[in-house]
Amino acid sequence: MILPPAAAASVLVGAALHAAWNVGLRSGARQREATAVLAVSTSLLGAAALPALPAPDAAAWPHLAISAVLHVVYFNLVAEAYALGAISLTYPVMRGTAPALAAVLAAVAFGERLRPAGWAGLVAISAGVSLQARRRGVSGEGRALAVALANALVIALYTVNDGIGARLSHSPIAYALWTFVLPGVPTALILLRGRVGRVFAEESAGAILARGVGGGACSVASYTLALWAMTLAPIGAVAALRESAMVFGVAFAWLFLNERPHKRAILAALTILLGAVMLDLG
């Protein structure tokens, strides 16, 4: 399925921005502090746009509460994953495994059936994760992979929950913005607990703020571009092309973080990407 050029361009830019904020978090010495700033930044950006939108219906608020809790866990696991492991190890696993888990959850909970291409995508993602999981002797990689897989489950849970909540809200954009707003302060409080006195011990305040605020802007812009593309093209096609973020993530880590993933890691990331695309289109 061919997307209109404007939609394809916006999705690719959004995918690159998504990869950029993840690489930005990994780039410094203080991943947890930068993640806290990012969470607050996205919260403020979302809050600024909410007055122009109708409020979600009351039926959606329980789902927003669940989403807020899951997003707090998500941000904490993102910070932990990047404190432990390389982008080329953790990002494809979090990004690519989550759609597969969400599809399984939707099938079990709501009877949504996958077509053969979707099942083939699940098999490819499983193969890619298994390939990625093979140890390379790098300290902490086993724990980093475990955290990435745990976060993929969290992403799948909030994806399914937010899919239901957005439908009940009758104001899906406002619902989505609330998912940015609600977890910001709790996330920052948890990530910064016991660290306030030594936040800038290894990295300057300016560097942490630049990574956090810049990452927050990239996160909101990436999401906005994806939403806009979905008004021009089928959602499945947009979601499939958006999986290119995995390729951008590995490439940016190579260029800017001097990560040199093993050939097996590159093959694993490409296999996960293929599976995610097949799943989205299937």
Protein backbone atom coordinates (compact mmCIF):
# COMPACT_ATOMS: atom_id res chain seq x y z
CA MET A 1 0.00 0.00 0.00
CA ILE A 2 1.50 3.31 -1.12
CA LEU A 3 1.07 6.28 1.22
CA PRO A 4 0.62 9.82 -0.11
CA PRO A 5 4.02 11.56 -0.17
CA ALA A 6 3.05 14.05 2.54
CA ALA A 7 1.88 11.26 4.86
CA ALA A 8 4.96 9.14 4.21
CA ALA A 9 7.28 12.09 4.83
CA SER A 10 5.54 13.03 8.08
CA VAL A 11 5.67 9.43 9.36
CA LEU A 12 9.37 9.09 8.55
CA VAL A 13 10.18 12.41 10.24
CA GLY A 14 8.11 11.34 13.24
CA ALA A 15 9.89 7.97 13.39
CA ALA A 16 13.26 9.74 13.27
CA LEU A 17 12.17 12.07 16.09
CA HIS A 18 11.02 9.12 18.19
CA ALA A 19 14.40 7.45 17.74
CA ALA A 20 16.16 10.76 18.42
CA TRP A 21 14.64 11.29 21.86
CA ASN A 22 15.50 7.74 22.86
CA VAL A 23 19.08 8.13 21.66
CA GLY A 24 19.22 11.51 23.41
CA LEU A 25 18.27 9.91 26.73
CA ARG A 26 20.95 7.27 26.30
CA SER A 27 23.64 9.76 25.28
CA GLY A 28 24.45 11.32 28.66
CA ALA A 29 25.65 10.09 32.03
CA ARG A 30 22.35 10.76 33.83
CA GLN A 31 19.58 8.88 32.01
CA ARG A 32 17.15 8.95 34.93
CA GLU A 33 17.38 12.70 35.45
CA ALA A 34 17.00 13.44 31.73
CA THR A 35 13.98 11.12 31.59
CA ALA A 36 12.41 13.03 34.50
CA VAL A 37 12.86 16.32 32.63
CA LEU A 38 11.44 14.75 29.48
CA ALA A 39 8.34 13.51 31.31
CA VAL A 40 7.67 16.95 32.79
CA SER A 41 8.29 18.63 29.41
CA THR A 42 5.80 16.42 27.59
CA SER A 43 3.32 17.04 30.42
CA LEU A 44 3.63 20.83 30.04
CA LEU A 45 3.39 20.68 26.24
CA GLY A 46 0.28 18.52 26.46
CA ALA A 47 -1.30 20.79 29.06
CA ALA A 48 -0.75 23.82 26.85
CA ALA A 49 -2.84 22.28 24.06
CA LEU A 50 -5.69 20.88 26.17
CA PRO A 51 -7.72 24.12 26.63
CA ALA A 52 -8.41 24.16 22.88
CA LEU A 53 -9.96 20.67 22.93
CA PRO A 54 -13.17 19.17 24.35
CA ALA A 55 -12.69 17.14 27.53
CA PRO A 56 -12.83 13.34 27.30
CA ASP A 57 -16.13 11.77 28.35
CA ALA A 58 -16.40 10.51 31.92
CA ALA A 59 -16.27 6.87 30.79
CA ALA A 60 -12.68 7.38 29.62
CA TRP A 61 -11.25 8.65 32.90
CA PRO A 62 -10.74 5.24 34.55
CA HIS A 63 -8.67 4.30 31.52
CA LEU A 64 -6.71 7.53 31.82
CA ALA A 65 -5.96 6.70 35.44
CA ILE A 66 -4.70 3.25 34.45
CA SER A 67 -2.71 4.82 31.61
CA ALA A 68 -1.07 7.30 33.97
CA VAL A 69 0.15 4.51 36.25
CA LEU A 70 1.42 2.46 33.31
CA HIS A 71 3.22 5.46 31.80
CA VAL A 72 4.98 6.16 35.11
CA VAL A 73 6.24 2.57 35.05
CA TYR A 74 7.13 2.96 31.36
CA PHE A 75 9.30 6.04 31.88
CA ASN A 76 11.09 4.44 34.81
CA LEU A 77 11.84 1.32 32.78
CA VAL A 78 13.03 3.42 29.82
CA ALA A 79 15.49 5.18 32.09
CA GLU A 80 16.63 1.89 33.61
CA ALA A 81 17.04 0.20 30.23
CA TYR A 82 19.21 3.00 28.88
CA ALA A 83 21.24 3.17 32.08
CA LEU A 84 22.05 -0.53 31.62
CA GLY A 85 22.30 -1.23 27.92
CA ALA A 86 22.94 0.03 24.42
CA ILE A 87 20.25 1.44 22.13
CA SER A 88 20.96 -1.28 19.56
CA LEU A 89 20.07 -3.89 22.21
CA THR A 90 17.15 -2.30 24.06
CA TYR A 91 15.32 0.01 21.64
CA PRO A 92 14.38 -2.57 18.96
CA VAL A 93 13.15 -4.94 21.66
CA MET A 94 10.95 -2.32 23.36
CA ARG A 95 9.75 -0.82 20.09
CA GLY A 96 9.20 -4.04 18.15
CA THR A 97 7.97 -6.50 20.77
CA ALA A 98 5.24 -4.23 22.16
CA PRO A 99 2.94 -4.44 19.07
CA ALA A 100 3.18 -8.23 19.15
CA LEU A 101 2.24 -8.37 22.83
CA ALA A 102 -0.57 -5.86 22.26
CA ALA A 103 -1.95 -8.02 19.45
CA VAL A 104 -1.88 -11.09 21.69
CA LEU A 105 -3.58 -9.20 24.53
CA ALA A 106 -6.26 -7.89 22.16
CA ALA A 107 -6.84 -11.40 20.80
CA VAL A 108 -7.19 -12.90 24.28
CA ALA A 109 -9.23 -10.09 25.86
CA PHE A 110 -11.39 -8.98 22.94
CA GLY A 111 -11.31 -11.80 20.43
CA GLU A 112 -9.57 -9.73 17.77
CA ARG A 113 -8.27 -12.17 15.21
CA LEU A 114 -5.02 -11.89 13.30
CA ARG A 115 -4.73 -12.76 9.64
CA PRO A 116 -1.92 -15.06 8.43
CA ALA A 117 0.41 -12.10 7.81
CA GLY A 118 -0.11 -11.00 11.39
CA TRP A 119 0.78 -14.43 12.76
CA ALA A 120 3.85 -14.50 10.51
CA GLY A 121 4.79 -11.12 11.98
CA LEU A 122 4.53 -12.51 15.52
CA VAL A 123 6.83 -15.39 14.56
CA ALA A 124 9.35 -12.98 13.01
CA ILE A 125 9.33 -10.73 16.09
CA SER A 126 9.86 -13.73 18.36
CA ALA A 127 12.76 -14.89 16.20
CA GLY A 128 14.30 -11.42 16.24
CA VAL A 129 14.04 -11.11 20.01
CA SER A 130 15.53 -14.58 20.47
CA LEU A 131 18.42 -13.62 18.21
CA GLN A 132 18.86 -10.34 20.09
CA ALA A 133 18.85 -12.19 23.41
CA ARG A 134 21.99 -14.17 22.63
CA ARG A 135 24.71 -12.89 24.94
CA ARG A 136 27.73 -11.00 23.62
CA GLY A 137 29.65 -10.84 26.89
CA VAL A 138 28.88 -7.18 27.60
CA SER A 139 28.36 -6.33 31.26
CA GLY A 140 24.71 -5.76 32.19
CA GLU A 141 23.26 -6.80 28.84
CA GLY A 142 21.15 -9.59 30.33
CA ARG A 143 19.47 -7.26 32.80
CA ALA A 144 19.08 -4.56 30.13
CA LEU A 145 17.29 -7.02 27.85
CA ALA A 146 15.03 -8.15 30.70
CA VAL A 147 14.09 -4.54 31.47
CA ALA A 148 13.43 -3.88 27.76
CA LEU A 149 11.14 -6.91 27.53
CA ALA A 150 9.31 -5.87 30.71
CA ASN A 151 8.79 -2.43 29.24
CA ALA A 152 7.49 -3.93 26.00
CA LEU A 153 4.77 -5.59 28.09
CA VAL A 154 3.98 -2.26 29.78
CA ILE A 155 3.75 -0.57 26.37
CA ALA A 156 1.42 -3.32 25.16
CA LEU A 157 -0.78 -2.91 28.23
CA TYR A 158 -1.14 0.84 27.88
CA THR A 159 -1.66 0.50 24.12
CA VAL A 160 -4.65 -1.78 24.59
CA ASN A 161 -5.96 0.26 27.53
CA ASP A 162 -5.63 3.54 25.62
CA GLY A 163 -7.23 2.07 22.53
CA ILE A 164 -10.35 1.39 24.61
CA GLY A 165 -10.14 4.71 26.47
CA ALA A 166 -9.75 6.77 23.30
CA ARG A 167 -12.86 5.15 21.82
CA LEU A 168 -14.86 5.91 24.96
CA SER A 169 -13.56 9.47 25.21
CA HIS A 170 -15.19 10.84 22.03
CA SER A 171 -12.20 13.18 22.00
CA PRO A 172 -9.21 10.99 21.13
CA ILE A 173 -6.67 13.78 20.71
CA ALA A 174 -7.53 15.23 24.12
CA TYR A 175 -7.36 11.73 25.57
CA ALA A 176 -3.90 11.24 24.07
CA LEU A 177 -2.68 14.56 25.44
CA TRP A 178 -3.89 13.64 28.92
CA THR A 179 -1.70 10.53 28.70
CA PHE A 180 1.24 12.94 28.42
CA VAL A 181 0.01 15.30 31.14
CA LEU A 182 -0.92 12.94 33.98
CA PRO A 183 2.29 10.93 34.45
CA GLY A 184 4.75 13.84 34.23
CA VAL A 185 5.09 14.93 37.86
CA PRO A 186 4.81 11.44 39.45
CA THR A 187 7.44 10.16 37.03
CA ALA A 188 9.83 12.98 37.90
CA LEU A 189 9.31 12.53 41.65
CA ILE A 190 10.11 8.82 41.45
CA LEU A 191 13.09 9.18 39.14
CA LEU A 192 14.62 12.00 41.19
CA ARG A 193 14.05 10.51 44.64
CA GLY A 194 17.24 10.66 46.63
CA ARG A 195 19.10 12.17 43.68
CA VAL A 196 18.36 15.87 43.93
CA GLY A 197 21.61 16.65 45.74
CA ARG A 198 23.74 14.88 43.13
CA VAL A 199 21.83 15.36 39.89
CA PHE A 200 24.61 17.39 38.32
CA ALA A 201 27.52 15.39 39.69
CA GLU A 202 28.37 13.83 36.31
CA GLU A 203 26.58 16.08 33.83
CA SER A 204 25.81 19.78 33.66
CA ALA A 205 22.34 21.16 34.28
CA GLY A 206 22.28 22.55 30.74
CA ALA A 207 23.06 19.17 29.19
CA ILE A 208 20.40 17.37 31.21
CA LEU A 209 17.79 20.04 30.45
CA ALA A 210 18.69 20.04 26.75
CA ARG A 211 18.26 16.29 26.51
CA GLY A 212 15.08 16.26 28.57
CA VAL A 213 13.30 19.25 27.05
CA GLY A 214 14.51 18.44 23.54
CA GLY A 215 13.40 14.86 23.99
CA GLY A 216 9.98 15.97 25.23
CA ALA A 217 9.50 18.19 22.19
CA CYS A 218 10.57 15.35 19.89
CA SER A 219 8.18 12.95 21.61
CA VAL A 220 5.14 15.21 21.24
CA ALA A 221 6.09 16.18 17.66
CA SER A 222 6.52 12.52 16.70
CA TYR A 223 3.09 11.63 18.05
CA THR A 224 1.46 14.66 16.40
CA LEU A 225 2.97 13.82 13.01
CA ALA A 226 1.71 10.25 13.26
CA LEU A 227 -1.80 11.45 14.10
CA TRP A 228 -1.75 13.88 11.19
CA ALA A 229 -0.58 11.14 8.81
CA MET A 230 -3.48 8.96 9.94
CA THR A 231 -5.88 11.59 8.61
CA LEU A 232 -4.33 11.15 5.15
CA ALA A 233 -3.63 7.43 4.97
CA PRO A 234 -4.78 4.08 6.46
CA ILE A 235 -3.82 3.62 10.10
CA GLY A 236 -2.21 0.23 9.47
CA ALA A 237 0.05 1.60 6.75
CA VAL A 238 1.08 4.53 8.95
CA ALA A 239 1.79 2.22 11.89
CA ALA A 240 3.86 -0.07 9.66
CA LEU A 241 6.00 2.74 8.27
CA ARG A 242 6.43 4.18 11.76
CA GLU A 243 8.28 1.01 12.73
CA SER A 244 11.18 2.45 10.74
CA ALA A 245 12.03 4.17 14.05
CA MET A 246 13.94 1.00 14.91
CA VAL A 247 16.27 1.52 11.95
CA PHE A 248 16.70 5.19 12.81
CA GLY A 249 17.46 4.26 16.42
CA VAL A 250 20.24 1.83 15.55
CA ALA A 251 21.64 4.25 12.92
CA PHE A 252 21.61 7.26 15.28
CA ALA A 253 23.25 5.23 18.04
CA TRP A 254 25.93 4.21 15.56
CA LEU A 255 26.50 7.79 14.39
CA PHE A 256 26.17 9.74 17.63
CA LEU A 257 26.92 7.29 20.45
CA ASN A 258 29.67 5.34 18.72
CA GLU A 259 27.74 2.11 19.27
CA ARG A 260 28.97 -0.61 16.94
CA PRO A 261 26.36 -3.35 17.09
CA HIS A 262 27.37 -6.87 16.12
CA LYS A 263 26.04 -8.14 12.80
CA ARG A 264 23.73 -10.43 14.74
CA ALA A 265 22.20 -7.43 16.55
CA ILE A 266 21.58 -5.67 13.24
CA LEU A 267 19.97 -8.81 11.80
CA ALA A 268 17.83 -9.16 14.93
CA ALA A 269 16.66 -5.53 14.70
CA LEU A 270 15.77 -5.94 11.01
CA THR A 271 13.90 -9.18 11.76
CA ILE A 272 11.91 -7.46 14.51
CA LEU A 273 11.22 -4.57 12.12
CA LEU A 274 9.95 -6.95 9.42
CA GLY A 275 7.74 -8.73 11.93
CA ALA A 276 6.30 -5.47 13.26
CA VAL A 277 5.50 -4.28 9.74
CA MET A 278 3.82 -7.59 8.87
CA LEU A 279 1.85 -7.41 12.12
CA ASP A 280 0.67 -3.86 11.45
CA LEU A 281 -0.37 -4.67 7.89
CA GLY A 282 -1.74 -8.11 8.73
